[in-house]
Amino acid sequence: MLARILAALVWIIANVVYSSMVRDGQRGFRRLAAFYLGWPGTFVSYLAIRPKRRVADPEVDARYRTQLEFEEDRDLLYEIRRDRARRVSQGQAGEEGAMDEEA
């Protein structure tokens, strides 16, 4: 009787621990152990709970944003150069200069 009560408590605690770890986005051996001890309830938690995005270090996040901005600027300059090259190859270079002089 005591063994069944103890097993039920371990099962309930494993399910609670596993669901909180999934919710927080934690990974590792402890999560795997909780999943194993709480089977099959943890499988339901795995399907039902969406993991939260891990919060990155502010410095890493700032570097990532800077890198994205750099890549966007680079892509924009590439598009401008490609458009100008296309216009020059089609003979529209003279029209572009005339538009700049009018403005």
PDB file of N, CA and C in Angstrom:
ATOM      1  N   MET A   1       0.826  -1.188   0.000  1.00  0.00           N
ATOM      2  CA  MET A   1       0.000   0.000   0.000  1.00  0.00           C
ATOM      3  C   MET A   1       0.876   1.259   0.000  1.00  0.00           C
ATOM      4  N   LEU A   2       1.896   1.243   0.846  1.00  0.00           N
ATOM      5  CA  LEU A   2       2.798   2.382   0.925  1.00  0.00           C
ATOM      6  C   LEU A   2       3.557   2.574  -0.396  1.00  0.00           C
ATOM      7  N   ALA A   3       3.895   1.451  -1.025  1.00  0.00           N
ATOM      8  CA  ALA A   3       4.615   1.523  -2.308  1.00  0.00           C
ATOM      9  C   ALA A   3       3.739   2.176  -3.375  1.00  0.00           C
ATOM     10  N   ARG A   4       2.457   1.873  -3.385  1.00  0.00           N
ATOM     11  CA  ARG A   4       1.546   2.473  -4.369  1.00  0.00           C
ATOM     12  C   ARG A   4       1.375   3.969  -4.133  1.00  0.00           C
ATOM     13  N   ILE A   5       1.288   4.355  -2.882  1.00  0.00           N
ATOM     14  CA  ILE A   5       1.156   5.778  -2.558  1.00  0.00           C
ATOM     15  C   ILE A   5       2.425   6.528  -2.964  1.00  0.00           C
ATOM     16  N   LEU A   6       3.572   5.936  -2.660  1.00  0.00           N
ATOM     17  CA  LEU A   6       4.846   6.543  -3.034  1.00  0.00           C
ATOM     18  C   LEU A   6       4.988   6.644  -4.559  1.00  0.00           C
ATOM     19  N   ALA A   7       4.600   5.602  -5.280  1.00  0.00           N
ATOM     20  CA  ALA A   7       4.663   5.611  -6.747  1.00  0.00           C
ATOM     21  C   ALA A   7       3.738   6.685  -7.324  1.00  0.00           C
ATOM     22  N   ALA A   8       2.561   6.836  -6.734  1.00  0.00           N
ATOM     23  CA  ALA A   8       1.630   7.860  -7.207  1.00  0.00           C
ATOM     24  C   ALA A   8       2.184   9.264  -6.975  1.00  0.00           C
ATOM     25  N   LEU A   9       2.811   9.483  -5.818  1.00  0.00           N
ATOM     26  CA  LEU A   9       3.413  10.786  -5.537  1.00  0.00           C
ATOM     27  C   LEU A   9       4.563  11.087  -6.499  1.00  0.00           C
ATOM     28  N   VAL A  10       5.412  10.092  -6.761  1.00  0.00           N
ATOM     29  CA  VAL A  10       6.514  10.281  -7.709  1.00  0.00           C
ATOM     30  C   VAL A  10       5.958  10.597  -9.087  1.00  0.00           C
ATOM     31  N   TRP A  11       4.918   9.898  -9.498  1.00  0.00           N
ATOM     32  CA  TRP A  11       4.303  10.126 -10.814  1.00  0.00           C
ATOM     33  C   TRP A  11       3.744  11.549 -10.915  1.00  0.00           C
ATOM     34  N   ILE A  12       3.047  12.009  -9.888  1.00  0.00           N
ATOM     35  CA  ILE A  12       2.461  13.355  -9.899  1.00  0.00           C
ATOM     36  C   ILE A  12       3.569  14.410  -9.904  1.00  0.00           C
ATOM     37  N   ILE A  13       4.582  14.234  -9.068  1.00  0.00           N
ATOM     38  CA  ILE A  13       5.680  15.208  -9.016  1.00  0.00           C
ATOM     39  C   ILE A  13       6.429  15.242 -10.349  1.00  0.00           C
ATOM     40  N   ALA A  14       6.658  14.081 -10.954  1.00  0.00           N
ATOM     41  CA  ALA A  14       7.353  14.023 -12.245  1.00  0.00           C
ATOM     42  C   ALA A  14       6.555  14.754 -13.320  1.00  0.00           C
ATOM     43  N   ASN A  15       5.243  14.622 -13.299  1.00  0.00           N
ATOM     44  CA  ASN A  15       4.414  15.313 -14.284  1.00  0.00           C
ATOM     45  C   ASN A  15       4.457  16.825 -14.087  1.00  0.00           C
ATOM     46  N   VAL A  16       4.413  17.259 -12.838  1.00  0.00           N
ATOM     47  CA  VAL A  16       4.469  18.695 -12.559  1.00  0.00           C
ATOM     48  C   VAL A  16       5.832  19.268 -12.956  1.00  0.00           C
ATOM     49  N   VAL A  17       6.895  18.564 -12.590  1.00  0.00           N
ATOM     50  CA  VAL A  17       8.249  19.023 -12.915  1.00  0.00           C
ATOM     51  C   VAL A  17       8.444  19.056 -14.424  1.00  0.00           C
ATOM     52  N   TYR A  18       8.018  17.995 -15.110  1.00  0.00           N
ATOM     53  CA  TYR A  18       8.192  17.945 -16.563  1.00  0.00           C
ATOM     54  C   TYR A  18       7.418  19.055 -17.263  1.00  0.00           C
ATOM     55  N   SER A  19       6.179  19.294 -16.847  1.00  0.00           N
ATOM     56  CA  SER A  19       5.390  20.338 -17.509  1.00  0.00           C
ATOM     57  C   SER A  19       5.991  21.720 -17.269  1.00  0.00           C
ATOM     58  N   SER A  20       6.543  21.965 -16.081  1.00  0.00           N
ATOM     59  CA  SER A  20       7.179  23.261 -15.833  1.00  0.00           C
ATOM     60  C   SER A  20       8.461  23.408 -16.648  1.00  0.00           C
ATOM     61  N   MET A  21       9.208  22.320 -16.816  1.00  0.00           N
ATOM     62  CA  MET A  21      10.426  22.370 -17.623  1.00  0.00           C
ATOM     63  C   MET A  21      10.103  22.610 -19.098  1.00  0.00           C
ATOM     64  N   VAL A  22       9.052  22.002 -19.600  1.00  0.00           N
ATOM     65  CA  VAL A  22       8.649  22.232 -20.989  1.00  0.00           C
ATOM     66  C   VAL A  22       8.201  23.671 -21.153  1.00  0.00           C
ATOM     67  N   ARG A  23       7.427  24.162 -20.227  1.00  0.00           N
ATOM     68  CA  ARG A  23       6.913  25.533 -20.299  1.00  0.00           C
ATOM     69  C   ARG A  23       8.054  26.553 -20.292  1.00  0.00           C
ATOM     70  N   ASP A  24       9.112  26.278 -19.501  1.00  0.00           N
ATOM     71  CA  ASP A  24      10.243  27.197 -19.404  1.00  0.00           C
ATOM     72  C   ASP A  24      11.267  27.001 -20.512  1.00  0.00           C
ATOM     73  N   GLY A  25      11.142  25.938 -21.282  1.00  0.00           N
ATOM     74  CA  GLY A  25      12.072  25.690 -22.370  1.00  0.00           C
ATOM     75  C   GLY A  25      13.384  25.064 -21.927  1.00  0.00           C
ATOM     76  N   GLN A  26      13.408  24.437 -20.767  1.00  0.00           N
ATOM     77  CA  GLN A  26      14.634  23.802 -20.270  1.00  0.00           C
ATOM     78  C   GLN A  26      14.812  22.449 -20.934  1.00  0.00           C
ATOM     79  N   ARG A  27      16.059  22.069 -21.116  1.00  0.00           N
ATOM     80  CA  ARG A  27      16.376  20.773 -21.700  1.00  0.00           C
ATOM     81  C   ARG A  27      17.426  20.091 -20.848  1.00  0.00           C
ATOM     82  N   GLY A  28      17.618  18.816 -21.092  1.00  0.00           N
ATOM     83  CA  GLY A  28      18.674  18.111 -20.383  1.00  0.00           C
ATOM     84  C   GLY A  28      18.211  16.792 -19.799  1.00  0.00           C
ATOM     85  N   PHE A  29      19.099  16.196 -19.015  1.00  0.00           N
ATOM     86  CA  PHE A  29      18.839  14.883 -18.448  1.00  0.00           C
ATOM     87  C   PHE A  29      17.697  14.901 -17.447  1.00  0.00           C
ATOM     88  N   ARG A  30      17.590  15.960 -16.649  1.00  0.00           N
ATOM     89  CA  ARG A  30      16.506  16.027 -15.653  1.00  0.00           C
ATOM     90  C   ARG A  30      15.145  15.996 -16.324  1.00  0.00           C
ATOM     91  N   ARG A  31      15.027  16.688 -17.447  1.00  0.00           N
ATOM     92  CA  ARG A  31      13.748  16.681 -18.170  1.00  0.00           C
ATOM     93  C   ARG A  31      13.456  15.286 -18.711  1.00  0.00           C
ATOM     94  N   LEU A  32      14.479  14.619 -19.228  1.00  0.00           N
ATOM     95  CA  LEU A  32      14.303  13.260 -19.729  1.00  0.00           C
ATOM     96  C   LEU A  32      13.906  12.312 -18.599  1.00  0.00           C
ATOM     97  N   ALA A  33      14.545  12.450 -17.441  1.00  0.00           N
ATOM     98  CA  ALA A  33      14.215  11.606 -16.292  1.00  0.00           C
ATOM     99  C   ALA A  33      12.782  11.858 -15.822  1.00  0.00           C
ATOM    100  N   ALA A  34      12.382  13.106 -15.781  1.00  0.00           N
ATOM    101  CA  ALA A  34      11.008  13.417 -15.377  1.00  0.00           C
ATOM    102  C   ALA A  34      10.010  12.852 -16.384  1.00  0.00           C
ATOM    103  N   PHE A  35      10.369  12.916 -17.660  1.00  0.00           N
ATOM    104  CA  PHE A  35       9.489  12.353 -18.690  1.00  0.00           C
ATOM    105  C   PHE A  35       9.316  10.849 -18.477  1.00  0.00           C
ATOM    106  N   TYR A  36      10.409  10.165 -18.211  1.00  0.00           N
ATOM    107  CA  TYR A  36      10.371   8.719 -18.011  1.00  0.00           C
ATOM    108  C   TYR A  36       9.574   8.343 -16.763  1.00  0.00           C
ATOM    109  N   LEU A  37       9.794   9.053 -15.659  1.00  0.00           N
ATOM    110  CA  LEU A  37       9.106   8.727 -14.419  1.00  0.00           C
ATOM    111  C   LEU A  37       7.615   9.071 -14.458  1.00  0.00           C
ATOM    112  N   GLY A  38       7.235  10.013 -15.270  1.00  0.00           N
ATOM    113  CA  GLY A  38       5.845  10.424 -15.310  1.00  0.00           C
ATOM    114  C   GLY A  38       5.045   9.860 -16.471  1.00  0.00           C
ATOM    115  N   TRP A  39       5.638   8.919 -17.196  1.00  0.00           N
ATOM    116  CA  TRP A  39       4.950   8.332 -18.357  1.00  0.00           C
ATOM    117  C   TRP A  39       3.637   7.715 -17.935  1.00  0.00           C
ATOM    118  N   PRO A  40       2.551   7.808 -18.580  1.00  0.00           N
ATOM    119  CA  PRO A  40       2.195   8.414 -19.855  1.00  0.00           C
ATOM    120  C   PRO A  40       1.667   9.845 -19.711  1.00  0.00           C
ATOM    121  N   GLY A  41       1.565  10.314 -18.483  1.00  0.00           N
ATOM    122  CA  GLY A  41       1.055  11.674 -18.284  1.00  0.00           C
ATOM    123  C   GLY A  41       1.966  12.732 -18.879  1.00  0.00           C
ATOM    124  N   THR A  42       3.265  12.494 -18.856  1.00  0.00           N
ATOM    125  CA  THR A  42       4.195  13.465 -19.421  1.00  0.00           C
ATOM    126  C   THR A  42       4.091  13.523 -20.940  1.00  0.00           C
ATOM    127  N   PHE A  43       3.679  12.429 -21.557  1.00  0.00           N
ATOM    128  CA  PHE A  43       3.483  12.446 -23.008  1.00  0.00           C
ATOM    129  C   PHE A  43       2.332  13.380 -23.365  1.00  0.00           C
ATOM    130  N   VAL A  44       1.299  13.370 -22.552  1.00  0.00           N
ATOM    131  CA  VAL A  44       0.178  14.293 -22.761  1.00  0.00           C
ATOM    132  C   VAL A  44       0.651  15.738 -22.560  1.00  0.00           C
ATOM    133  N   SER A  45       1.482  15.964 -21.558  1.00  0.00           N
ATOM    134  CA  SER A  45       2.040  17.303 -21.335  1.00  0.00           C
ATOM    135  C   SER A  45       2.897  17.731 -22.513  1.00  0.00           C
ATOM    136  N   TYR A  46       3.667  16.795 -23.054  1.00  0.00           N
ATOM    137  CA  TYR A  46       4.528  17.091 -24.202  1.00  0.00           C
ATOM    138  C   TYR A  46       3.698  17.566 -25.392  1.00  0.00           C
ATOM    139  N   LEU A  47       2.543  16.954 -25.599  1.00  0.00           N
ATOM    140  CA  LEU A  47       1.688  17.327 -26.732  1.00  0.00           C
ATOM    141  C   LEU A  47       0.876  18.593 -26.452  1.00  0.00           C
ATOM    142  N   ALA A  48       0.536  18.834 -25.202  1.00  0.00           N
ATOM    143  CA  ALA A  48      -0.377  19.928 -24.872  1.00  0.00           C
ATOM    144  C   ALA A  48       0.301  21.256 -24.572  1.00  0.00           C
ATOM    145  N   ILE A  49       1.492  21.241 -24.013  1.00  0.00           N
ATOM    146  CA  ILE A  49       2.144  22.478 -23.567  1.00  0.00           C
ATOM    147  C   ILE A  49       3.123  22.954 -24.634  1.00  0.00           C
ATOM    148  N   ARG A  50       2.988  24.219 -24.993  1.00  0.00           N
ATOM    149  CA  ARG A  50       3.916  24.805 -25.961  1.00  0.00           C
ATOM    150  C   ARG A  50       5.110  25.385 -25.207  1.00  0.00           C
ATOM    151  N   PRO A  51       6.316  25.025 -25.639  1.00  0.00           N
ATOM    152  CA  PRO A  51       7.497  25.555 -24.945  1.00  0.00           C
ATOM    153  C   PRO A  51       7.668  27.045 -25.203  1.00  0.00           C
ATOM    154  N   LYS A  52       8.122  27.727 -24.173  1.00  0.00           N
ATOM    155  CA  LYS A  52       8.366  29.154 -24.266  1.00  0.00           C
ATOM    156  C   LYS A  52       9.737  29.367 -24.892  1.00  0.00           C
ATOM    157  N   ARG A  53       9.878  30.437 -25.665  1.00  0.00           N
ATOM    158  CA  ARG A  53      11.167  30.759 -26.283  1.00  0.00           C
ATOM    159  C   ARG A  53      12.157  31.112 -25.181  1.00  0.00           C
ATOM    160  N   ARG A  54      13.345  30.556 -25.294  1.00  0.00           N
ATOM    161  CA  ARG A  54      14.368  30.850 -24.294  1.00  0.00           C
ATOM    162  C   ARG A  54      14.806  32.295 -24.429  1.00  0.00           C
ATOM    163  N   VAL A  55      14.953  32.964 -23.312  1.00  0.00           N
ATOM    164  CA  VAL A  55      15.373  34.352 -23.295  1.00  0.00           C
ATOM    165  C   VAL A  55      16.886  34.395 -23.422  1.00  0.00           C
ATOM    166  N   ALA A  56      17.352  35.142 -24.403  1.00  0.00           N
ATOM    167  CA  ALA A  56      18.790  35.218 -24.644  1.00  0.00           C
ATOM    168  C   ALA A  56      19.415  36.313 -23.793  1.00  0.00           C
ATOM    169  N   ASP A  57      20.698  36.279 -23.730  1.00  0.00           N
ATOM    170  CA  ASP A  57      21.474  37.300 -23.040  1.00  0.00           C
ATOM    171  C   ASP A  57      21.284  38.618 -23.785  1.00  0.00           C
ATOM    172  N   PRO A  58      21.085  39.753 -23.094  1.00  0.00           N
ATOM    173  CA  PRO A  58      20.850  41.032 -23.791  1.00  0.00           C
ATOM    174  C   PRO A  58      21.963  41.403 -24.763  1.00  0.00           C
ATOM    175  N   GLU A  59      23.214  41.096 -24.420  1.00  0.00           N
ATOM    176  CA  GLU A  59      24.317  41.416 -25.329  1.00  0.00           C
ATOM    177  C   GLU A  59      24.237  40.574 -26.591  1.00  0.00           C
ATOM    178  N   VAL A  60      23.927  39.314 -26.442  1.00  0.00           N
ATOM    179  CA  VAL A  60      23.803  38.433 -27.602  1.00  0.00           C
ATOM    180  C   VAL A  60      22.628  38.873 -28.455  1.00  0.00           C
ATOM    181  N   ASP A  61      21.531  39.240 -27.810  1.00  0.00           N
ATOM    182  CA  ASP A  61      20.354  39.698 -28.534  1.00  0.00           C
ATOM    183  C   ASP A  61      20.657  40.983 -29.314  1.00  0.00           C
ATOM    184  N   ALA A  62      21.412  41.900 -28.714  1.00  0.00           N
ATOM    185  CA  ALA A  62      21.767  43.153 -29.393  1.00  0.00           C
ATOM    186  C   ALA A  62      22.677  42.872 -30.585  1.00  0.00           C
ATOM    187  N   ARG A  63      23.631  41.962 -30.423  1.00  0.00           N
ATOM    188  CA  ARG A  63      24.502  41.605 -31.549  1.00  0.00           C
ATOM    189  C   ARG A  63      23.705  40.958 -32.667  1.00  0.00           C
ATOM    190  N   TYR A  64      22.742  40.122 -32.311  1.00  0.00           N
ATOM    191  CA  TYR A  64      21.905  39.468 -33.314  1.00  0.00           C
ATOM    192  C   TYR A  64      21.094  40.501 -34.080  1.00  0.00           C
ATOM    193  N   ARG A  65      20.509  41.477 -33.360  1.00  0.00           N
ATOM    194  CA  ARG A  65      19.752  42.540 -34.031  1.00  0.00           C
ATOM    195  C   ARG A  65      20.644  43.361 -34.953  1.00  0.00           C
ATOM    196  N   THR A  66      21.851  43.679 -34.504  1.00  0.00           N
ATOM    197  CA  THR A  66      22.794  44.433 -35.322  1.00  0.00           C
ATOM    198  C   THR A  66      23.150  43.651 -36.578  1.00  0.00           C
ATOM    199  N   GLN A  67      23.351  42.369 -36.434  1.00  0.00           N
ATOM    200  CA  GLN A  67      23.678  41.533 -37.584  1.00  0.00           C
ATOM    201  C   GLN A  67      22.509  41.499 -38.570  1.00  0.00           C
ATOM    202  N   LEU A  68      21.280  41.403 -38.067  1.00  0.00           N
ATOM    203  CA  LEU A  68      20.113  41.409 -38.955  1.00  0.00           C
ATOM    204  C   LEU A  68      19.995  42.726 -39.705  1.00  0.00           C
ATOM    205  N   GLU A  69      20.231  43.843 -39.015  1.00  0.00           N
ATOM    206  CA  GLU A  69      20.172  45.142 -39.669  1.00  0.00           C
ATOM    207  C   GLU A  69      21.248  45.245 -40.744  1.00  0.00           C
ATOM    208  N   PHE A  70      22.451  44.749 -40.459  1.00  0.00           N
ATOM    209  CA  PHE A  70      23.533  44.763 -41.430  1.00  0.00           C
ATOM    210  C   PHE A  70      23.162  43.953 -42.667  1.00  0.00           C
ATOM    211  N   GLU A  71      22.580  42.778 -42.451  1.00  0.00           N
ATOM    212  CA  GLU A  71      22.190  41.938 -43.580  1.00  0.00           C
ATOM    213  C   GLU A  71      21.076  42.589 -44.402  1.00  0.00           C
ATOM    214  N   GLU A  72      20.131  43.253 -43.741  1.00  0.00           N
ATOM    215  CA  GLU A  72      19.068  43.947 -44.472  1.00  0.00           C
ATOM    216  C   GLU A  72      19.646  45.080 -45.316  1.00  0.00           C
ATOM    217  N   ASP A  73      20.587  45.846 -44.751  1.00  0.00           N
ATOM    218  CA  ASP A  73      21.226  46.926 -45.506  1.00  0.00           C
ATOM    219  C   ASP A  73      22.006  46.371 -46.686  1.00  0.00           C
ATOM    220  N   ARG A  74      22.721  45.297 -46.461  1.00  0.00           N
ATOM    221  CA  ARG A  74      23.491  44.671 -47.537  1.00  0.00           C
ATOM    222  C   ARG A  74      22.565  44.191 -48.657  1.00  0.00           C
ATOM    223  N   ASP A  75      21.454  43.576 -48.303  1.00  0.00           N
ATOM    224  CA  ASP A  75      20.502  43.110 -49.312  1.00  0.00           C
ATOM    225  C   ASP A  75      19.896  44.274 -50.091  1.00  0.00           C
ATOM    226  N   LEU A  76      19.605  45.379 -49.402  1.00  0.00           N
ATOM    227  CA  LEU A  76      19.052  46.549 -50.076  1.00  0.00           C
ATOM    228  C   LEU A  76      20.054  47.138 -51.067  1.00  0.00           C
ATOM    229  N   LEU A  77      21.315  47.259 -50.651  1.00  0.00           N
ATOM    230  CA  LEU A  77      22.339  47.761 -51.561  1.00  0.00           C
ATOM    231  C   LEU A  77      22.526  46.836 -52.754  1.00  0.00           C
ATOM    232  N   TYR A  78      22.450  45.550 -52.536  1.00  0.00           N
ATOM    233  CA  TYR A  78      22.548  44.590 -53.634  1.00  0.00           C
ATOM    234  C   TYR A  78      21.408  44.790 -54.627  1.00  0.00           C
ATOM    235  N   GLU A  79      20.200  44.995 -54.132  1.00  0.00           N
ATOM    236  CA  GLU A  79      19.049  45.230 -55.017  1.00  0.00           C
ATOM    237  C   GLU A  79      19.238  46.514 -55.823  1.00  0.00           C
ATOM    238  N   ILE A  80      19.741  47.575 -55.184  1.00  0.00           N
ATOM    239  CA  ILE A  80      19.960  48.851 -55.876  1.00  0.00           C
ATOM    240  C   ILE A  80      20.994  48.666 -56.979  1.00  0.00           C
ATOM    241  N   ARG A  81      22.095  47.989 -56.667  1.00  0.00           N
ATOM    242  CA  ARG A  81      23.136  47.758 -57.671  1.00  0.00           C
ATOM    243  C   ARG A  81      22.613  46.915 -58.823  1.00  0.00           C
ATOM    244  N   ARG A  82      21.852  45.900 -58.523  1.00  0.00           N
ATOM    245  CA  ARG A  82      21.302  45.046 -59.571  1.00  0.00           C
ATOM    246  C   ARG A  82      20.338  45.821 -60.460  1.00  0.00           C
ATOM    247  N   ASP A  83      19.517  46.674 -59.851  1.00  0.00           N
ATOM    248  CA  ASP A  83      18.579  47.483 -60.623  1.00  0.00           C
ATOM    249  C   ASP A  83      19.314  48.469 -61.521  1.00  0.00           C
ATOM    250  N   ARG A  84      20.356  49.109 -60.997  1.00  0.00           N
ATOM    251  CA  ARG A  84      21.140  50.048 -61.809  1.00  0.00           C
ATOM    252  C   ARG A  84      21.822  49.332 -62.960  1.00  0.00           C
ATOM    253  N   ALA A  85      22.393  48.161 -62.697  1.00  0.00           N
ATOM    254  CA  ALA A  85      23.049  47.396 -63.757  1.00  0.00           C
ATOM    255  C   ALA A  85      22.043  46.997 -64.833  1.00  0.00           C
ATOM    256  N   ARG A  86      20.837  46.645 -64.434  1.00  0.00           N
ATOM    257  CA  ARG A  86      19.801  46.285 -65.406  1.00  0.00           C
ATOM    258  C   ARG A  86      19.422  47.498 -66.246  1.00  0.00           C
ATOM    259  N   ARG A  87      19.291  48.654 -65.607  1.00  0.00           N
ATOM    260  CA  ARG A  87      18.945  49.867 -66.347  1.00  0.00           C
ATOM    261  C   ARG A  87      20.037  50.265 -67.327  1.00  0.00           C
ATOM    262  N   VAL A  88      21.301  50.153 -66.901  1.00  0.00           N
ATOM    263  CA  VAL A  88      22.418  50.492 -67.789  1.00  0.00           C
ATOM    264  C   VAL A  88      22.441  49.543 -68.979  1.00  0.00           C
ATOM    265  N   SER A  89      22.202  48.272 -68.742  1.00  0.00           N
ATOM    266  CA  SER A  89      22.230  47.304 -69.842  1.00  0.00           C
ATOM    267  C   SER A  89      21.069  47.525 -70.811  1.00  0.00           C
ATOM    268  N   GLN A  90      19.986  48.129 -70.353  1.00  0.00           N
ATOM    269  CA  GLN A  90      18.844  48.402 -71.222  1.00  0.00           C
ATOM    270  C   GLN A  90      18.930  49.790 -71.845  1.00  0.00           C
ATOM    271  N   GLY A  91      19.947  50.556 -71.502  1.00  0.00           N
ATOM    272  CA  GLY A  91      20.129  51.874 -72.089  1.00  0.00           C
ATOM    273  C   GLY A  91      19.313  52.955 -71.419  1.00  0.00           C
ATOM    274  N   GLN A  92      18.926  52.784 -70.189  1.00  0.00           N
ATOM    275  CA  GLN A  92      18.126  53.778 -69.480  1.00  0.00           C
ATOM    276  C   GLN A  92      18.976  54.678 -68.597  1.00  0.00           C
ATOM    277  N   ALA A  93      20.287  54.626 -68.733  1.00  0.00           N
ATOM    278  CA  ALA A  93      21.167  55.410 -67.867  1.00  0.00           C
ATOM    279  C   ALA A  93      20.977  56.897 -68.123  1.00  0.00           C
ATOM    280  N   GLY A  94      20.766  57.314 -69.370  1.00  0.00           N
ATOM    281  CA  GLY A  94      20.583  58.722 -69.681  1.00  0.00           C
ATOM    282  C   GLY A  94      19.315  59.284 -69.057  1.00  0.00           C
ATOM    283  N   GLU A  95      18.258  58.504 -68.998  1.00  0.00           N
ATOM    284  CA  GLU A  95      17.008  58.965 -68.406  1.00  0.00           C
ATOM    285  C   GLU A  95      17.151  59.181 -66.899  1.00  0.00           C
ATOM    286  N   GLU A  96      17.941  58.359 -66.250  1.00  0.00           N
ATOM    287  CA  GLU A  96      18.133  58.502 -64.803  1.00  0.00           C
ATOM    288  C   GLU A  96      18.860  59.808 -64.497  1.00  0.00           C
ATOM    289  N   GLY A  97      19.854  60.164 -65.284  1.00  0.00           N
ATOM    290  CA  GLY A  97      20.585  61.411 -65.090  1.00  0.00           C
ATOM    291  C   GLY A  97      19.679  62.608 -65.335  1.00  0.00           C
ATOM    292  N   ALA A  98      18.777  62.519 -66.309  1.00  0.00           N
ATOM    293  CA  ALA A  98      17.872  63.608 -66.602  1.00  0.00           C
ATOM    294  C   ALA A  98      16.897  63.816 -65.461  1.00  0.00           C
ATOM    295  N   MET A  99      16.484  62.739 -64.830  1.00  0.00           N
ATOM    296  CA  MET A  99      15.550  62.854 -63.716  1.00  0.00           C
ATOM    297  C   MET A  99      16.234  63.547 -62.540  1.00  0.00           C
ATOM    298  N   ASP A 100      17.518  63.279 -62.321  1.00  0.00           N
ATOM    299  CA  ASP A 100      18.230  63.906 -61.210  1.00  0.00           C
ATOM    300  C   ASP A 100      18.417  65.392 -61.453  1.00  0.00           C
ATOM    301  N   GLU A 101      18.644  65.803 -62.696  1.00  0.00           N
ATOM    302  CA  GLU A 101      18.850  67.211 -63.003  1.00  0.00           C
ATOM    303  C   GLU A 101      17.570  68.019 -62.834  1.00  0.00           C
ATOM    304  N   GLU A 102      16.405  67.426 -63.143  1.00  0.00           N
ATOM    305  CA  GLU A 102      15.129  68.114 -63.005  1.00  0.00           C
ATOM    306  C   GLU A 102      14.804  68.377 -61.550  1.00  0.00           C
ATOM    307  N   ALA A 103      15.135  67.478 -60.686  1.00  0.00           N
ATOM    308  CA  ALA A 103      14.794  67.599 -59.262  1.00  0.00           C
ATOM    309  C   ALA A 103      15.677  68.613 -58.636  1.00  0.00           C
TER     310      ALA A 103
END
